[in-house]
Amino acid sequence: MFLGTEQQRQAGLRHIAHLKEIYFSETRNKVGDIYDHASDKWKTTLCFHAGLKRRHIYLTYSELTSDEQLKIIQALLSLRHFSSSLRGEFTDGRLD
């Protein structure tokens, strides 16, 4: 039973549809594209950060379980956040 207004319900459904499109769409999955087109070296880093095993490097994104996919998503977001905190730190090729 939903206790909100019809407007709130519609907004919630739009958000759910957006999340499904981003993370669970079979036709357009950004995370799957990133993972499937990454080099083995990048996949090794990503799987290590996600806490997965070496065997996961050789699987496609669709071959991963939903829990493993979630770990990949969380690892990508974590690495994205970390890299954004380093903006400007490597502009001249040195670490000061």
PDB file of N, CA and C in Angstrom:
ATOM      1  N   MET A   1       0.840  -1.175   0.000  1.00  0.00           N
ATOM      2  CA  MET A   1       0.000   0.000   0.000  1.00  0.00           C
ATOM      3  C   MET A   1       0.886   1.240   0.000  1.00  0.00           C
ATOM      4  N   PHE A   2       0.681   2.109  -0.946  1.00  0.00           N
ATOM      5  CA  PHE A   2       1.459   3.347  -1.074  1.00  0.00           C
ATOM      6  C   PHE A   2       0.726   4.475  -0.357  1.00  0.00           C
ATOM      7  N   LEU A   3       1.423   5.193   0.515  1.00  0.00           N
ATOM      8  CA  LEU A   3       0.787   6.220   1.337  1.00  0.00           C
ATOM      9  C   LEU A   3       1.010   7.641   0.831  1.00  0.00           C
ATOM     10  N   GLY A   4       1.705   7.804  -0.283  1.00  0.00           N
ATOM     11  CA  GLY A   4       1.971   9.132  -0.826  1.00  0.00           C
ATOM     12  C   GLY A   4       0.895   9.570  -1.803  1.00  0.00           C
ATOM     13  N   THR A   5       1.126  10.719  -2.388  1.00  0.00           N
ATOM     14  CA  THR A   5       0.205  11.248  -3.397  1.00  0.00           C
ATOM     15  C   THR A   5       0.487  10.576  -4.739  1.00  0.00           C
ATOM     16  N   GLU A   6      -0.423  10.737  -5.667  1.00  0.00           N
ATOM     17  CA  GLU A   6      -0.237  10.177  -7.013  1.00  0.00           C
ATOM     18  C   GLU A   6       0.981  10.805  -7.693  1.00  0.00           C
ATOM     19  N   GLN A   7       1.209  12.083  -7.436  1.00  0.00           N
ATOM     20  CA  GLN A   7       2.368  12.772  -8.006  1.00  0.00           C
ATOM     21  C   GLN A   7       3.668  12.156  -7.475  1.00  0.00           C
ATOM     22  N   GLN A   8       3.728  11.857  -6.184  1.00  0.00           N
ATOM     23  CA  GLN A   8       4.906  11.222  -5.602  1.00  0.00           C
ATOM     24  C   GLN A   8       5.100   9.819  -6.166  1.00  0.00           C
ATOM     25  N   ARG A   9       4.007   9.103  -6.351  1.00  0.00           N
ATOM     26  CA  ARG A   9       4.077   7.757  -6.924  1.00  0.00           C
ATOM     27  C   ARG A   9       4.662   7.805  -8.323  1.00  0.00           C
ATOM     28  N   GLN A  10       4.184   8.732  -9.148  1.00  0.00           N
ATOM     29  CA  GLN A  10       4.684   8.860 -10.517  1.00  0.00           C
ATOM     30  C   GLN A  10       6.166   9.228 -10.537  1.00  0.00           C
ATOM     31  N   ALA A  11       6.565  10.135  -9.645  1.00  0.00           N
ATOM     32  CA  ALA A  11       7.983  10.515  -9.562  1.00  0.00           C
ATOM     33  C   ALA A  11       8.828   9.313  -9.165  1.00  0.00           C
ATOM     34  N   GLY A  12       8.356   8.530  -8.223  1.00  0.00           N
ATOM     35  CA  GLY A  12       9.068   7.323  -7.807  1.00  0.00           C
ATOM     36  C   GLY A  12       9.209   6.324  -8.934  1.00  0.00           C
ATOM     37  N   LEU A  13       8.145   6.131  -9.687  1.00  0.00           N
ATOM     38  CA  LEU A  13       8.193   5.203 -10.815  1.00  0.00           C
ATOM     39  C   LEU A  13       9.175   5.677 -11.889  1.00  0.00           C
ATOM     40  N   ARG A  14       9.238   6.992 -12.106  1.00  0.00           N
ATOM     41  CA  ARG A  14      10.207   7.527 -13.083  1.00  0.00           C
ATOM     42  C   ARG A  14      11.640   7.256 -12.615  1.00  0.00           C
ATOM     43  N   HIS A  15      11.895   7.428 -11.317  1.00  0.00           N
ATOM     44  CA  HIS A  15      13.237   7.177 -10.783  1.00  0.00           C
ATOM     45  C   HIS A  15      13.603   5.694 -10.900  1.00  0.00           C
ATOM     46  N   ILE A  16      12.659   4.832 -10.613  1.00  0.00           N
ATOM     47  CA  ILE A  16      12.903   3.398 -10.734  1.00  0.00           C
ATOM     48  C   ILE A  16      13.194   3.031 -12.184  1.00  0.00           C
ATOM     49  N   ALA A  17      12.442   3.579 -13.123  1.00  0.00           N
ATOM     50  CA  ALA A  17      12.671   3.314 -14.550  1.00  0.00           C
ATOM     51  C   ALA A  17      14.056   3.793 -14.973  1.00  0.00           C
ATOM     52  N   HIS A  18      14.468   4.961 -14.456  1.00  0.00           N
ATOM     53  CA  HIS A  18      15.790   5.492 -14.780  1.00  0.00           C
ATOM     54  C   HIS A  18      16.888   4.568 -14.242  1.00  0.00           C
ATOM     55  N   LEU A  19      16.759   4.105 -13.013  1.00  0.00           N
ATOM     56  CA  LEU A  19      17.745   3.193 -12.435  1.00  0.00           C
ATOM     57  C   LEU A  19      17.799   1.877 -13.201  1.00  0.00           C
ATOM     58  N   LYS A  20      16.647   1.366 -13.593  1.00  0.00           N
ATOM     59  CA  LYS A  20      16.622   0.130 -14.385  1.00  0.00           C
ATOM     60  C   LYS A  20      17.334   0.319 -15.713  1.00  0.00           C
ATOM     61  N   GLU A  21      17.131   1.468 -16.339  1.00  0.00           N
ATOM     62  CA  GLU A  21      17.773   1.746 -17.625  1.00  0.00           C
ATOM     63  C   GLU A  21      19.284   1.800 -17.485  1.00  0.00           C
ATOM     64  N   ILE A  22      19.762   2.412 -16.415  1.00  0.00           N
ATOM     65  CA  ILE A  22      21.201   2.559 -16.214  1.00  0.00           C
ATOM     66  C   ILE A  22      21.862   1.238 -15.833  1.00  0.00           C
ATOM     67  N   TYR A  23      21.293   0.539 -14.842  1.00  0.00           N
ATOM     68  CA  TYR A  23      21.982  -0.612 -14.266  1.00  0.00           C
ATOM     69  C   TYR A  23      21.500  -1.971 -14.735  1.00  0.00           C
ATOM     70  N   PHE A  24      20.290  -2.066 -15.264  1.00  0.00           N
ATOM     71  CA  PHE A  24      19.746  -3.374 -15.572  1.00  0.00           C
ATOM     72  C   PHE A  24      19.256  -3.532 -17.006  1.00  0.00           C
ATOM     73  N   SER A  25      19.510  -2.569 -17.850  1.00  0.00           N
ATOM     74  CA  SER A  25      19.052  -2.648 -19.229  1.00  0.00           C
ATOM     75  C   SER A  25      19.906  -3.631 -20.018  1.00  0.00           C
ATOM     76  N   GLU A  26      19.265  -4.507 -20.755  1.00  0.00           N
ATOM     77  CA  GLU A  26      19.992  -5.458 -21.592  1.00  0.00           C
ATOM     78  C   GLU A  26      20.570  -4.775 -22.825  1.00  0.00           C
ATOM     79  N   THR A  27      19.895  -3.743 -23.323  1.00  0.00           N
ATOM     80  CA  THR A  27      20.322  -3.127 -24.566  1.00  0.00           C
ATOM     81  C   THR A  27      21.341  -2.018 -24.345  1.00  0.00           C
ATOM     82  N   ARG A  28      21.283  -1.337 -23.223  1.00  0.00           N
ATOM     83  CA  ARG A  28      22.173  -0.196 -23.007  1.00  0.00           C
ATOM     84  C   ARG A  28      22.638  -0.204 -21.558  1.00  0.00           C
ATOM     85  N   ASN A  29      23.743  -0.852 -21.316  1.00  0.00           N
ATOM     86  CA  ASN A  29      24.274  -0.930 -19.970  1.00  0.00           C
ATOM     87  C   ASN A  29      25.670  -0.325 -19.970  1.00  0.00           C
ATOM     88  N   LYS A  30      25.783   0.867 -19.438  1.00  0.00           N
ATOM     89  CA  LYS A  30      27.062   1.577 -19.451  1.00  0.00           C
ATOM     90  C   LYS A  30      28.137   0.815 -18.690  1.00  0.00           C
ATOM     91  N   VAL A  31      27.789   0.274 -17.532  1.00  0.00           N
ATOM     92  CA  VAL A  31      28.765  -0.462 -16.733  1.00  0.00           C
ATOM     93  C   VAL A  31      29.217  -1.709 -17.492  1.00  0.00           C
ATOM     94  N   GLY A  32      28.283  -2.400 -18.102  1.00  0.00           N
ATOM     95  CA  GLY A  32      28.638  -3.575 -18.889  1.00  0.00           C
ATOM     96  C   GLY A  32      29.558  -3.228 -20.043  1.00  0.00           C
ATOM     97  N   ASP A  33      29.289  -2.120 -20.718  1.00  0.00           N
ATOM     98  CA  ASP A  33      30.155  -1.677 -21.812  1.00  0.00           C
ATOM     99  C   ASP A  33      31.556  -1.354 -21.309  1.00  0.00           C
ATOM    100  N   ILE A  34      31.626  -0.652 -20.193  1.00  0.00           N
ATOM    101  CA  ILE A  34      32.935  -0.303 -19.615  1.00  0.00           C
ATOM    102  C   ILE A  34      33.701  -1.571 -19.271  1.00  0.00           C
ATOM    103  N   TYR A  35      33.031  -2.489 -18.587  1.00  0.00           N
ATOM    104  CA  TYR A  35      33.685  -3.724 -18.148  1.00  0.00           C
ATOM    105  C   TYR A  35      34.100  -4.597 -19.330  1.00  0.00           C
ATOM    106  N   ASP A  36      33.198  -4.773 -20.282  1.00  0.00           N
ATOM    107  CA  ASP A  36      33.471  -5.667 -21.413  1.00  0.00           C
ATOM    108  C   ASP A  36      34.555  -5.137 -22.347  1.00  0.00           C
ATOM    109  N   HIS A  37      34.719  -3.817 -22.420  1.00  0.00           N
ATOM    110  CA  HIS A  37      35.722  -3.239 -23.327  1.00  0.00           C
ATOM    111  C   HIS A  37      37.016  -2.853 -22.624  1.00  0.00           C
ATOM    112  N   ALA A  38      37.111  -3.129 -21.333  1.00  0.00           N
ATOM    113  CA  ALA A  38      38.321  -2.789 -20.587  1.00  0.00           C
ATOM    114  C   ALA A  38      39.436  -3.785 -20.900  1.00  0.00           C
ATOM    115  N   SER A  39      40.658  -3.317 -20.789  1.00  0.00           N
ATOM    116  CA  SER A  39      41.805  -4.212 -20.975  1.00  0.00           C
ATOM    117  C   SER A  39      41.897  -5.161 -19.785  1.00  0.00           C
ATOM    118  N   ASP A  40      42.649  -6.253 -19.950  1.00  0.00           N
ATOM    119  CA  ASP A  40      42.815  -7.198 -18.850  1.00  0.00           C
ATOM    120  C   ASP A  40      43.480  -6.536 -17.642  1.00  0.00           C
ATOM    121  N   LYS A  41      44.381  -5.606 -17.902  1.00  0.00           N
ATOM    122  CA  LYS A  41      45.054  -4.904 -16.807  1.00  0.00           C
ATOM    123  C   LYS A  41      44.051  -4.076 -16.000  1.00  0.00           C
ATOM    124  N   TRP A  42      43.176  -3.360 -16.684  1.00  0.00           N
ATOM    125  CA  TRP A  42      42.157  -2.552 -16.001  1.00  0.00           C
ATOM    126  C   TRP A  42      41.148  -3.455 -15.290  1.00  0.00           C
ATOM    127  N   LYS A  43      40.756  -4.580 -15.939  1.00  0.00           N
ATOM    128  CA  LYS A  43      39.834  -5.515 -15.299  1.00  0.00           C
ATOM    129  C   LYS A  43      40.442  -6.121 -14.036  1.00  0.00           C
ATOM    130  N   THR A  44      41.745  -6.378 -14.075  1.00  0.00           N
ATOM    131  CA  THR A  44      42.428  -6.902 -12.889  1.00  0.00           C
ATOM    132  C   THR A  44      42.318  -5.914 -11.741  1.00  0.00           C
ATOM    133  N   THR A  45      42.579  -4.647 -12.019  1.00  0.00           N
ATOM    134  CA  THR A  45      42.468  -3.608 -11.000  1.00  0.00           C
ATOM    135  C   THR A  45      41.042  -3.500 -10.487  1.00  0.00           C
ATOM    136  N   LEU A  46      40.095  -3.494 -11.388  1.00  0.00           N
ATOM    137  CA  LEU A  46      38.688  -3.350 -11.021  1.00  0.00           C
ATOM    138  C   LEU A  46      38.201  -4.547 -10.199  1.00  0.00           C
ATOM    139  N   CYS A  47      38.538  -5.759 -10.631  1.00  0.00           N
ATOM    140  CA  CYS A  47      38.114  -6.956  -9.891  1.00  0.00           C
ATOM    141  C   CYS A  47      38.775  -7.022  -8.518  1.00  0.00           C
ATOM    142  N   PHE A  48      40.040  -6.628  -8.435  1.00  0.00           N
ATOM    143  CA  PHE A  48      40.719  -6.589  -7.133  1.00  0.00           C
ATOM    144  C   PHE A  48      40.009  -5.621  -6.209  1.00  0.00           C
ATOM    145  N   HIS A  49      39.694  -4.438  -6.709  1.00  0.00           N
ATOM    146  CA  HIS A  49      39.015  -3.423  -5.907  1.00  0.00           C
ATOM    147  C   HIS A  49      37.611  -3.881  -5.501  1.00  0.00           C
ATOM    148  N   ALA A  50      36.976  -4.672  -6.356  1.00  0.00           N
ATOM    149  CA  ALA A  50      35.629  -5.174  -6.072  1.00  0.00           C
ATOM    150  C   ALA A  50      35.652  -6.406  -5.167  1.00  0.00           C
ATOM    151  N   GLY A  51      36.840  -6.952  -4.909  1.00  0.00           N
ATOM    152  CA  GLY A  51      36.949  -8.146  -4.071  1.00  0.00           C
ATOM    153  C   GLY A  51      36.606  -9.434  -4.800  1.00  0.00           C
ATOM    154  N   LEU A  52      36.753  -9.426  -6.123  1.00  0.00           N
ATOM    155  CA  LEU A  52      36.460 -10.610  -6.926  1.00  0.00           C
ATOM    156  C   LEU A  52      37.748 -11.381  -7.197  1.00  0.00           C
ATOM    157  N   LYS A  53      37.601 -12.554  -7.779  1.00  0.00           N
ATOM    158  CA  LYS A  53      38.737 -13.433  -8.066  1.00  0.00           C
ATOM    159  C   LYS A  53      39.295 -13.179  -9.466  1.00  0.00           C
ATOM    160  N   ARG A  54      40.482 -13.732  -9.714  1.00  0.00           N
ATOM    161  CA  ARG A  54      41.137 -13.575 -11.004  1.00  0.00           C
ATOM    162  C   ARG A  54      40.290 -14.139 -12.150  1.00  0.00           C
ATOM    163  N   ARG A  55      39.528 -15.176 -11.886  1.00  0.00           N
ATOM    164  CA  ARG A  55      38.708 -15.791 -12.940  1.00  0.00           C
ATOM    165  C   ARG A  55      37.661 -14.824 -13.486  1.00  0.00           C
ATOM    166  N   HIS A  56      37.271 -13.835 -12.704  1.00  0.00           N
ATOM    167  CA  HIS A  56      36.256 -12.882 -13.149  1.00  0.00           C
ATOM    168  C   HIS A  56      36.762 -11.983 -14.286  1.00  0.00           C
ATOM    169  N   ILE A  57      38.067 -11.862 -14.401  1.00  0.00           N
ATOM    170  CA  ILE A  57      38.655 -11.031 -15.452  1.00  0.00           C
ATOM    171  C   ILE A  57      38.263 -11.553 -16.835  1.00  0.00           C
ATOM    172  N   TYR A  58      38.111 -12.857 -16.936  1.00  0.00           N
ATOM    173  CA  TYR A  58      37.875 -13.483 -18.235  1.00  0.00           C
ATOM    174  C   TYR A  58      36.386 -13.670 -18.545  1.00  0.00           C
ATOM    175  N   LEU A  59      35.516 -13.188 -17.667  1.00  0.00           N
ATOM    176  CA  LEU A  59      34.075 -13.263 -17.896  1.00  0.00           C
ATOM    177  C   LEU A  59      33.569 -11.948 -18.478  1.00  0.00           C
ATOM    178  N   THR A  60      32.473 -12.023 -19.200  1.00  0.00           N
ATOM    179  CA  THR A  60      31.814 -10.790 -19.632  1.00  0.00           C
ATOM    180  C   THR A  60      30.927 -10.311 -18.484  1.00  0.00           C
ATOM    181  N   TYR A  61      30.487  -9.075 -18.584  1.00  0.00           N
ATOM    182  CA  TYR A  61      29.650  -8.500 -17.527  1.00  0.00           C
ATOM    183  C   TYR A  61      28.355  -9.298 -17.356  1.00  0.00           C
ATOM    184  N   SER A  62      27.775  -9.754 -18.452  1.00  0.00           N
ATOM    185  CA  SER A  62      26.521 -10.506 -18.374  1.00  0.00           C
ATOM    186  C   SER A  62      26.714 -11.887 -17.747  1.00  0.00           C
ATOM    187  N   GLU A  63      27.933 -12.395 -17.741  1.00  0.00           N
ATOM    188  CA  GLU A  63      28.216 -13.695 -17.128  1.00  0.00           C
ATOM    189  C   GLU A  63      28.414 -13.594 -15.609  1.00  0.00           C
ATOM    190  N   LEU A  64      28.551 -12.394 -15.094  1.00  0.00           N
ATOM    191  CA  LEU A  64      28.689 -12.203 -13.658  1.00  0.00           C
ATOM    192  C   LEU A  64      27.322 -12.337 -12.992  1.00  0.00           C
ATOM    193  N   THR A  65      27.323 -12.782 -11.732  1.00  0.00           N
ATOM    194  CA  THR A  65      26.070 -12.829 -10.985  1.00  0.00           C
ATOM    195  C   THR A  65      25.644 -11.409 -10.638  1.00  0.00           C
ATOM    196  N   SER A  66      24.413 -11.246 -10.199  1.00  0.00           N
ATOM    197  CA  SER A  66      23.940  -9.904  -9.852  1.00  0.00           C
ATOM    198  C   SER A  66      24.738  -9.325  -8.687  1.00  0.00           C
ATOM    199  N   ASP A  67      25.164 -10.150  -7.742  1.00  0.00           N
ATOM    200  CA  ASP A  67      26.007  -9.662  -6.635  1.00  0.00           C
ATOM    201  C   ASP A  67      27.370  -9.198  -7.141  1.00  0.00           C
ATOM    202  N   GLU A  68      27.943  -9.959  -8.066  1.00  0.00           N
ATOM    203  CA  GLU A  68      29.237  -9.574  -8.636  1.00  0.00           C
ATOM    204  C   GLU A  68      29.110  -8.296  -9.460  1.00  0.00           C
ATOM    205  N   GLN A  69      28.017  -8.163 -10.206  1.00  0.00           N
ATOM    206  CA  GLN A  69      27.781  -6.936 -10.965  1.00  0.00           C
ATOM    207  C   GLN A  69      27.667  -5.740 -10.037  1.00  0.00           C
ATOM    208  N   LEU A  70      26.975  -5.908  -8.919  1.00  0.00           N
ATOM    209  CA  LEU A  70      26.848  -4.833  -7.946  1.00  0.00           C
ATOM    210  C   LEU A  70      28.211  -4.446  -7.385  1.00  0.00           C
ATOM    211  N   LYS A  71      29.064  -5.429  -7.133  1.00  0.00           N
ATOM    212  CA  LYS A  71      30.417  -5.144  -6.634  1.00  0.00           C
ATOM    213  C   LYS A  71      31.223  -4.363  -7.668  1.00  0.00           C
ATOM    214  N   ILE A  72      31.066  -4.700  -8.944  1.00  0.00           N
ATOM    215  CA  ILE A  72      31.747  -3.970 -10.016  1.00  0.00           C
ATOM    216  C   ILE A  72      31.250  -2.530 -10.065  1.00  0.00           C
ATOM    217  N   ILE A  73      29.943  -2.339  -9.966  1.00  0.00           N
ATOM    218  CA  ILE A  73      29.366  -0.989  -9.966  1.00  0.00           C
ATOM    219  C   ILE A  73      29.916  -0.185  -8.802  1.00  0.00           C
ATOM    220  N   GLN A  74      29.924  -0.780  -7.613  1.00  0.00           N
ATOM    221  CA  GLN A  74      30.432  -0.079  -6.432  1.00  0.00           C
ATOM    222  C   GLN A  74      31.917   0.237  -6.568  1.00  0.00           C
ATOM    223  N   ALA A  75      32.684  -0.671  -7.147  1.00  0.00           N
ATOM    224  CA  ALA A  75      34.117  -0.429  -7.341  1.00  0.00           C
ATOM    225  C   ALA A  75      34.340   0.714  -8.327  1.00  0.00           C
ATOM    226  N   LEU A  76      33.586   0.727  -9.410  1.00  0.00           N
ATOM    227  CA  LEU A  76      33.706   1.818 -10.385  1.00  0.00           C
ATOM    228  C   LEU A  76      33.372   3.165  -9.750  1.00  0.00           C
ATOM    229  N   LEU A  77      32.295   3.210  -8.982  1.00  0.00           N
ATOM    230  CA  LEU A  77      31.915   4.459  -8.320  1.00  0.00           C
ATOM    231  C   LEU A  77      32.975   4.890  -7.308  1.00  0.00           C
ATOM    232  N   SER A  78      33.527   3.935  -6.593  1.00  0.00           N
ATOM    233  CA  SER A  78      34.570   4.244  -5.613  1.00  0.00           C
ATOM    234  C   SER A  78      35.820   4.789  -6.299  1.00  0.00           C
ATOM    235  N   LEU A  79      36.245   4.141  -7.381  1.00  0.00           N
ATOM    236  CA  LEU A  79      37.420   4.605  -8.118  1.00  0.00           C
ATOM    237  C   LEU A  79      37.163   5.956  -8.766  1.00  0.00           C
ATOM    238  N   ARG A  80      35.937   6.172  -9.229  1.00  0.00           N
ATOM    239  CA  ARG A  80      35.574   7.478  -9.804  1.00  0.00           C
ATOM    240  C   ARG A  80      35.677   8.573  -8.744  1.00  0.00           C
ATOM    241  N   HIS A  81      35.147   8.287  -7.561  1.00  0.00           N
ATOM    242  CA  HIS A  81      35.211   9.258  -6.472  1.00  0.00           C
ATOM    243  C   HIS A  81      36.667   9.546  -6.092  1.00  0.00           C
ATOM    244  N   PHE A  82      37.470   8.489  -6.008  1.00  0.00           N
ATOM    245  CA  PHE A  82      38.879   8.659  -5.662  1.00  0.00           C
ATOM    246  C   PHE A  82      39.612   9.492  -6.709  1.00  0.00           C
ATOM    247  N   SER A  83      39.370   9.187  -7.984  1.00  0.00           N
ATOM    248  CA  SER A  83      40.076   9.928  -9.034  1.00  0.00           C
ATOM    249  C   SER A  83      39.638  11.390  -9.082  1.00  0.00           C
ATOM    250  N   SER A  84      38.373  11.661  -8.771  1.00  0.00           N
ATOM    251  CA  SER A  84      37.926  13.056  -8.772  1.00  0.00           C
ATOM    252  C   SER A  84      38.547  13.843  -7.632  1.00  0.00           C
ATOM    253  N   SER A  85      38.920  13.162  -6.553  1.00  0.00           N
ATOM    254  CA  SER A  85      39.569  13.864  -5.438  1.00  0.00           C
ATOM    255  C   SER A  85      41.018  14.220  -5.775  1.00  0.00           C
ATOM    256  N   LEU A  86      41.565  13.625  -6.817  1.00  0.00           N
ATOM    257  CA  LEU A  86      42.954  13.886  -7.211  1.00  0.00           C
ATOM    258  C   LEU A  86      43.078  14.925  -8.314  1.00  0.00           C
ATOM    259  N   ARG A  87      41.984  15.532  -8.718  1.00  0.00           N
ATOM    260  CA  ARG A  87      42.026  16.517  -9.801  1.00  0.00           C
ATOM    261  C   ARG A  87      43.054  17.594  -9.529  1.00  0.00           C
ATOM    262  N   GLY A  88      43.901  17.812 -10.488  1.00  0.00           N
ATOM    263  CA  GLY A  88      44.910  18.848 -10.366  1.00  0.00           C
ATOM    264  C   GLY A  88      46.182  18.404  -9.666  1.00  0.00           C
ATOM    265  N   GLU A  89      46.187  17.217  -9.082  1.00  0.00           N
ATOM    266  CA  GLU A  89      47.372  16.748  -8.361  1.00  0.00           C
ATOM    267  C   GLU A  89      48.489  16.305  -9.302  1.00  0.00           C
ATOM    268  N   PHE A  90      48.144  15.885 -10.502  1.00  0.00           N
ATOM    269  CA  PHE A  90      49.135  15.357 -11.434  1.00  0.00           C
ATOM    270  C   PHE A  90      49.273  16.204 -12.685  1.00  0.00           C
ATOM    271  N   THR A  91      49.017  17.467 -12.602  1.00  0.00           N
ATOM    272  CA  THR A  91      49.022  18.304 -13.797  1.00  0.00           C
ATOM    273  C   THR A  91      50.405  18.427 -14.430  1.00  0.00           C
ATOM    274  N   ASP A  92      51.456  18.406 -13.635  1.00  0.00           N
ATOM    275  CA  ASP A  92      52.789  18.546 -14.209  1.00  0.00           C
ATOM    276  C   ASP A  92      53.554  17.218 -14.231  1.00  0.00           C
ATOM    277  N   GLY A  93      52.871  16.102 -13.972  1.00  0.00           N
ATOM    278  CA  GLY A  93      53.518  14.802 -14.030  1.00  0.00           C
ATOM    279  C   GLY A  93      54.237  14.435 -12.758  1.00  0.00           C
ATOM    280  N   ARG A  94      54.160  15.266 -11.734  1.00  0.00           N
ATOM    281  CA  ARG A  94      54.836  14.967 -10.467  1.00  0.00           C
ATOM    282  C   ARG A  94      53.793  14.867  -9.363  1.00  0.00           C
ATOM    283  N   LEU A  95      54.170  14.169  -8.336  1.00  0.00           N
ATOM    284  CA  LEU A  95      53.344  14.093  -7.138  1.00  0.00           C
ATOM    285  C   LEU A  95      54.033  14.870  -6.054  1.00  0.00           C
ATOM    286  N   ASP A  96      53.451  16.000  -5.652  1.00  0.00           N
ATOM    287  CA  ASP A  96      54.086  16.859  -4.641  1.00  0.00           C
ATOM    288  C   ASP A  96      53.659  16.501  -3.248  1.00  0.00           C
TER     289      ASP A  96
END
